[in-house]
């Protein structure tokens, strides 16, 4: 109803609630050195999701540690 308009008892009132300002772009966080679970947590907190996960041998890093990411940290998506 319009402001000041009377409606019958039991009438329907629509309520619209703000979700705040919509974020259109997010800066990609630095994920190197994290475990997958930690990276997922950070990405989800920013409203992002994990894409493809690739497991490769790398003698310089412990098993399960992220050592490369695309897009790179600092890039806006």
N, C-alpha and C. Protein backbone atom coordinates (compact mmCIF):
# COMPACT_ATOMS: atom_id res chain seq x y z
N UNK A 1 0.83 -1.21 0.00
CA UNK A 1 0.00 0.00 0.00
C UNK A 1 0.86 1.26 0.00
N UNK A 2 0.27 2.34 -0.44
CA UNK A 2 0.94 3.64 -0.45
C UNK A 2 0.95 4.20 0.97
N UNK A 3 1.90 5.11 1.28
CA UNK A 3 1.92 5.72 2.61
C UNK A 3 0.58 6.38 2.93
N UNK A 4 0.06 6.13 4.12
CA UNK A 4 -1.20 6.70 4.56
C UNK A 4 -2.43 5.94 4.08
N UNK A 5 -2.26 5.01 3.16
CA UNK A 5 -3.38 4.24 2.64
C UNK A 5 -3.85 3.24 3.69
N UNK A 6 -5.16 3.13 3.84
CA UNK A 6 -5.72 2.17 4.79
C UNK A 6 -5.96 0.85 4.07
N UNK A 7 -5.69 -0.23 4.80
CA UNK A 7 -5.95 -1.56 4.26
C UNK A 7 -6.79 -2.31 5.26
N UNK A 8 -7.50 -3.32 4.82
CA UNK A 8 -8.35 -4.07 5.74
C UNK A 8 -7.51 -4.90 6.72
N UNK A 9 -8.10 -5.16 7.89
CA UNK A 9 -7.44 -6.01 8.88
C UNK A 9 -7.10 -7.35 8.22
N UNK A 10 -5.89 -7.83 8.46
CA UNK A 10 -5.44 -9.08 7.84
C UNK A 10 -4.87 -8.86 6.45
N UNK A 11 -4.81 -7.58 6.02
CA UNK A 11 -4.25 -7.28 4.70
C UNK A 11 -2.75 -7.56 4.65
N UNK A 12 -2.26 -7.73 3.47
CA UNK A 12 -0.86 -8.09 3.25
C UNK A 12 0.00 -6.84 3.13
N UNK A 13 1.14 -6.84 3.83
CA UNK A 13 2.11 -5.75 3.76
C UNK A 13 3.44 -6.34 3.28
N UNK A 14 3.98 -5.84 2.18
CA UNK A 14 5.29 -6.27 1.70
C UNK A 14 6.37 -5.42 2.37
N UNK A 15 7.43 -6.06 2.80
CA UNK A 15 8.55 -5.37 3.44
C UNK A 15 9.80 -5.70 2.65
N UNK A 16 10.58 -4.68 2.30
CA UNK A 16 11.82 -4.88 1.56
C UNK A 16 12.97 -4.41 2.44
N UNK A 17 13.95 -5.28 2.63
CA UNK A 17 15.07 -5.01 3.53
C UNK A 17 16.35 -4.86 2.72
N UNK A 18 17.13 -3.85 3.04
CA UNK A 18 18.41 -3.63 2.36
C UNK A 18 19.44 -4.68 2.75
N UNK A 19 20.20 -5.14 1.77
CA UNK A 19 21.34 -6.02 2.03
C UNK A 19 22.63 -5.22 2.06
N UNK A 20 22.52 -3.91 2.06
CA UNK A 20 23.71 -3.06 2.03
C UNK A 20 24.16 -2.86 0.59
N UNK A 21 25.31 -2.21 0.46
CA UNK A 21 25.85 -1.92 -0.86
C UNK A 21 26.37 -3.20 -1.50
N UNK A 22 26.09 -3.38 -2.76
CA UNK A 22 26.54 -4.56 -3.49
C UNK A 22 28.00 -4.37 -3.88
N UNK A 23 28.83 -5.37 -3.54
CA UNK A 23 30.24 -5.32 -3.90
C UNK A 23 30.38 -5.95 -5.29
N UNK A 24 30.90 -5.17 -6.22
CA UNK A 24 31.01 -5.64 -7.58
C UNK A 24 32.38 -6.23 -7.89
N UNK A 25 33.38 -5.84 -7.13
CA UNK A 25 34.73 -6.33 -7.38
C UNK A 25 35.41 -6.66 -6.06
N UNK A 26 36.23 -7.69 -6.09
CA UNK A 26 36.93 -8.14 -4.89
C UNK A 26 38.40 -8.33 -5.24
N UNK A 27 39.29 -7.94 -4.33
CA UNK A 27 40.71 -8.18 -4.53
C UNK A 27 41.04 -9.60 -4.09
N UNK A 28 41.72 -10.33 -4.95
CA UNK A 28 42.08 -11.72 -4.67
C UNK A 28 43.12 -11.76 -3.55
N UNK A 29 42.89 -12.58 -2.51
CA UNK A 29 43.84 -12.65 -1.41
C UNK A 29 45.07 -13.49 -1.77
N UNK A 30 46.14 -13.33 -1.00
CA UNK A 30 47.36 -14.11 -1.15
C UNK A 30 47.14 -15.45 -0.48
N UNK A 31 47.17 -16.53 -1.26
CA UNK A 31 46.87 -17.86 -0.74
C UNK A 31 48.09 -18.76 -0.62
N UNK A 32 49.21 -18.34 -1.17
CA UNK A 32 50.42 -19.17 -1.12
C UNK A 32 50.79 -19.49 0.32
N UNK A 33 51.13 -20.74 0.56
CA UNK A 33 51.52 -21.18 1.90
C UNK A 33 50.37 -21.70 2.74
N UNK A 34 49.15 -21.53 2.26
CA UNK A 34 47.98 -22.00 3.01
C UNK A 34 47.62 -23.42 2.59
N UNK A 35 46.88 -24.10 3.45
CA UNK A 35 46.28 -25.37 3.09
C UNK A 35 44.97 -25.08 2.36
N UNK A 36 44.48 -26.04 1.59
CA UNK A 36 43.26 -25.85 0.80
C UNK A 36 42.10 -25.39 1.67
N UNK A 37 41.92 -26.01 2.82
CA UNK A 37 40.80 -25.66 3.70
C UNK A 37 40.88 -24.19 4.14
N UNK A 38 42.09 -23.72 4.41
CA UNK A 38 42.28 -22.32 4.81
C UNK A 38 41.95 -21.38 3.66
N UNK A 39 42.39 -21.75 2.47
CA UNK A 39 42.13 -20.92 1.29
C UNK A 39 40.63 -20.85 1.00
N UNK A 40 39.95 -21.99 1.09
CA UNK A 40 38.50 -22.02 0.85
C UNK A 40 37.80 -21.09 1.83
N UNK A 41 38.20 -21.13 3.08
CA UNK A 41 37.59 -20.28 4.11
C UNK A 41 37.77 -18.80 3.76
N UNK A 42 38.98 -18.41 3.36
CA UNK A 42 39.23 -17.01 3.00
C UNK A 42 38.42 -16.60 1.78
N UNK A 43 38.39 -17.46 0.78
CA UNK A 43 37.66 -17.12 -0.45
C UNK A 43 36.17 -17.01 -0.20
N UNK A 44 35.61 -17.94 0.55
CA UNK A 44 34.18 -17.88 0.85
C UNK A 44 33.81 -16.64 1.65
N UNK A 45 34.70 -16.21 2.54
CA UNK A 45 34.44 -14.99 3.32
C UNK A 45 34.35 -13.77 2.41
N UNK A 46 34.98 -13.83 1.24
CA UNK A 46 34.95 -12.73 0.28
C UNK A 46 33.86 -12.92 -0.78
N UNK A 47 33.11 -14.01 -0.66
CA UNK A 47 32.06 -14.28 -1.64
C UNK A 47 32.60 -14.92 -2.91
N UNK A 48 33.79 -15.50 -2.85
CA UNK A 48 34.40 -16.18 -3.99
C UNK A 48 34.33 -17.68 -3.79
N UNK A 49 34.51 -18.43 -4.86
CA UNK A 49 34.53 -19.89 -4.76
C UNK A 49 35.81 -20.43 -5.39
N UNK A 50 36.19 -21.62 -4.97
CA UNK A 50 37.38 -22.27 -5.52
C UNK A 50 37.03 -22.84 -6.88
N UNK A 51 37.90 -22.60 -7.84
CA UNK A 51 37.73 -23.18 -9.17
C UNK A 51 38.43 -24.52 -9.22
N UNK A 52 39.24 -24.72 -10.22
CA UNK A 52 39.96 -25.98 -10.42
C UNK A 52 41.09 -26.11 -9.40
N UNK A 53 41.24 -27.29 -8.83
CA UNK A 53 42.34 -27.60 -7.90
C UNK A 53 43.22 -28.64 -8.57
N UNK A 54 44.52 -28.35 -8.67
CA UNK A 54 45.47 -29.25 -9.31
C UNK A 54 46.54 -29.63 -8.30
N UNK A 55 46.80 -30.92 -8.19
CA UNK A 55 47.85 -31.42 -7.30
C UNK A 55 49.07 -31.79 -8.13
N UNK A 56 50.22 -31.16 -7.85
CA UNK A 56 51.46 -31.44 -8.54
C UNK A 56 52.58 -31.63 -7.52
N UNK A 57 53.55 -32.45 -7.85
CA UNK A 57 54.71 -32.62 -6.99
C UNK A 57 55.58 -31.37 -7.07
N UNK A 58 56.05 -30.91 -5.92
CA UNK A 58 56.97 -29.77 -5.87
C UNK A 58 57.86 -29.98 -4.66
N UNK A 59 59.15 -30.25 -4.87
CA UNK A 59 60.05 -30.56 -3.76
C UNK A 59 60.28 -29.40 -2.80
N UNK A 60 59.91 -28.18 -3.17
CA UNK A 60 60.13 -27.03 -2.30
C UNK A 60 58.99 -26.78 -1.32
N UNK A 61 57.89 -27.51 -1.45
CA UNK A 61 56.73 -27.28 -0.59
C UNK A 61 56.25 -28.59 0.02
N UNK A 62 55.73 -28.50 1.23
CA UNK A 62 55.15 -29.67 1.89
C UNK A 62 53.87 -30.07 1.18
N UNK A 63 53.50 -31.32 1.29
CA UNK A 63 52.27 -31.81 0.67
C UNK A 63 51.07 -31.03 1.19
N UNK A 64 50.18 -30.66 0.29
CA UNK A 64 48.95 -29.98 0.67
C UNK A 64 49.05 -28.47 0.76
N UNK A 65 50.24 -27.91 0.51
CA UNK A 65 50.43 -26.46 0.63
C UNK A 65 50.26 -25.80 -0.74
N UNK A 66 49.52 -24.72 -0.79
CA UNK A 66 49.32 -23.97 -2.03
C UNK A 66 50.60 -23.21 -2.35
N UNK A 67 51.08 -23.33 -3.60
CA UNK A 67 52.27 -22.58 -3.99
C UNK A 67 52.07 -21.75 -5.25
N UNK A 68 50.88 -21.82 -5.83
CA UNK A 68 50.58 -21.02 -7.01
C UNK A 68 49.07 -20.83 -7.10
N UNK A 69 48.65 -19.69 -7.62
CA UNK A 69 47.22 -19.43 -7.76
C UNK A 69 46.96 -18.57 -8.98
N UNK A 70 45.77 -18.74 -9.54
CA UNK A 70 45.32 -17.94 -10.69
C UNK A 70 43.85 -17.61 -10.46
N UNK A 71 43.44 -16.37 -10.47
CA UNK A 71 44.24 -15.18 -10.67
C UNK A 71 45.18 -14.93 -9.49
N UNK A 72 46.20 -14.12 -9.74
CA UNK A 72 47.21 -13.87 -8.73
C UNK A 72 46.67 -12.95 -7.63
N UNK A 73 47.33 -12.99 -6.49
CA UNK A 73 46.95 -12.14 -5.36
C UNK A 73 47.03 -10.67 -5.77
N UNK A 74 46.06 -9.91 -5.30
CA UNK A 74 46.03 -8.48 -5.59
C UNK A 74 45.21 -8.13 -6.83
N UNK A 75 44.94 -9.10 -7.67
CA UNK A 75 44.13 -8.85 -8.86
C UNK A 75 42.68 -8.65 -8.45
N UNK A 76 41.99 -7.79 -9.14
CA UNK A 76 40.58 -7.53 -8.85
C UNK A 76 39.72 -8.40 -9.75
N UNK A 77 38.76 -9.09 -9.12
CA UNK A 77 37.85 -9.96 -9.88
C UNK A 77 36.41 -9.56 -9.60
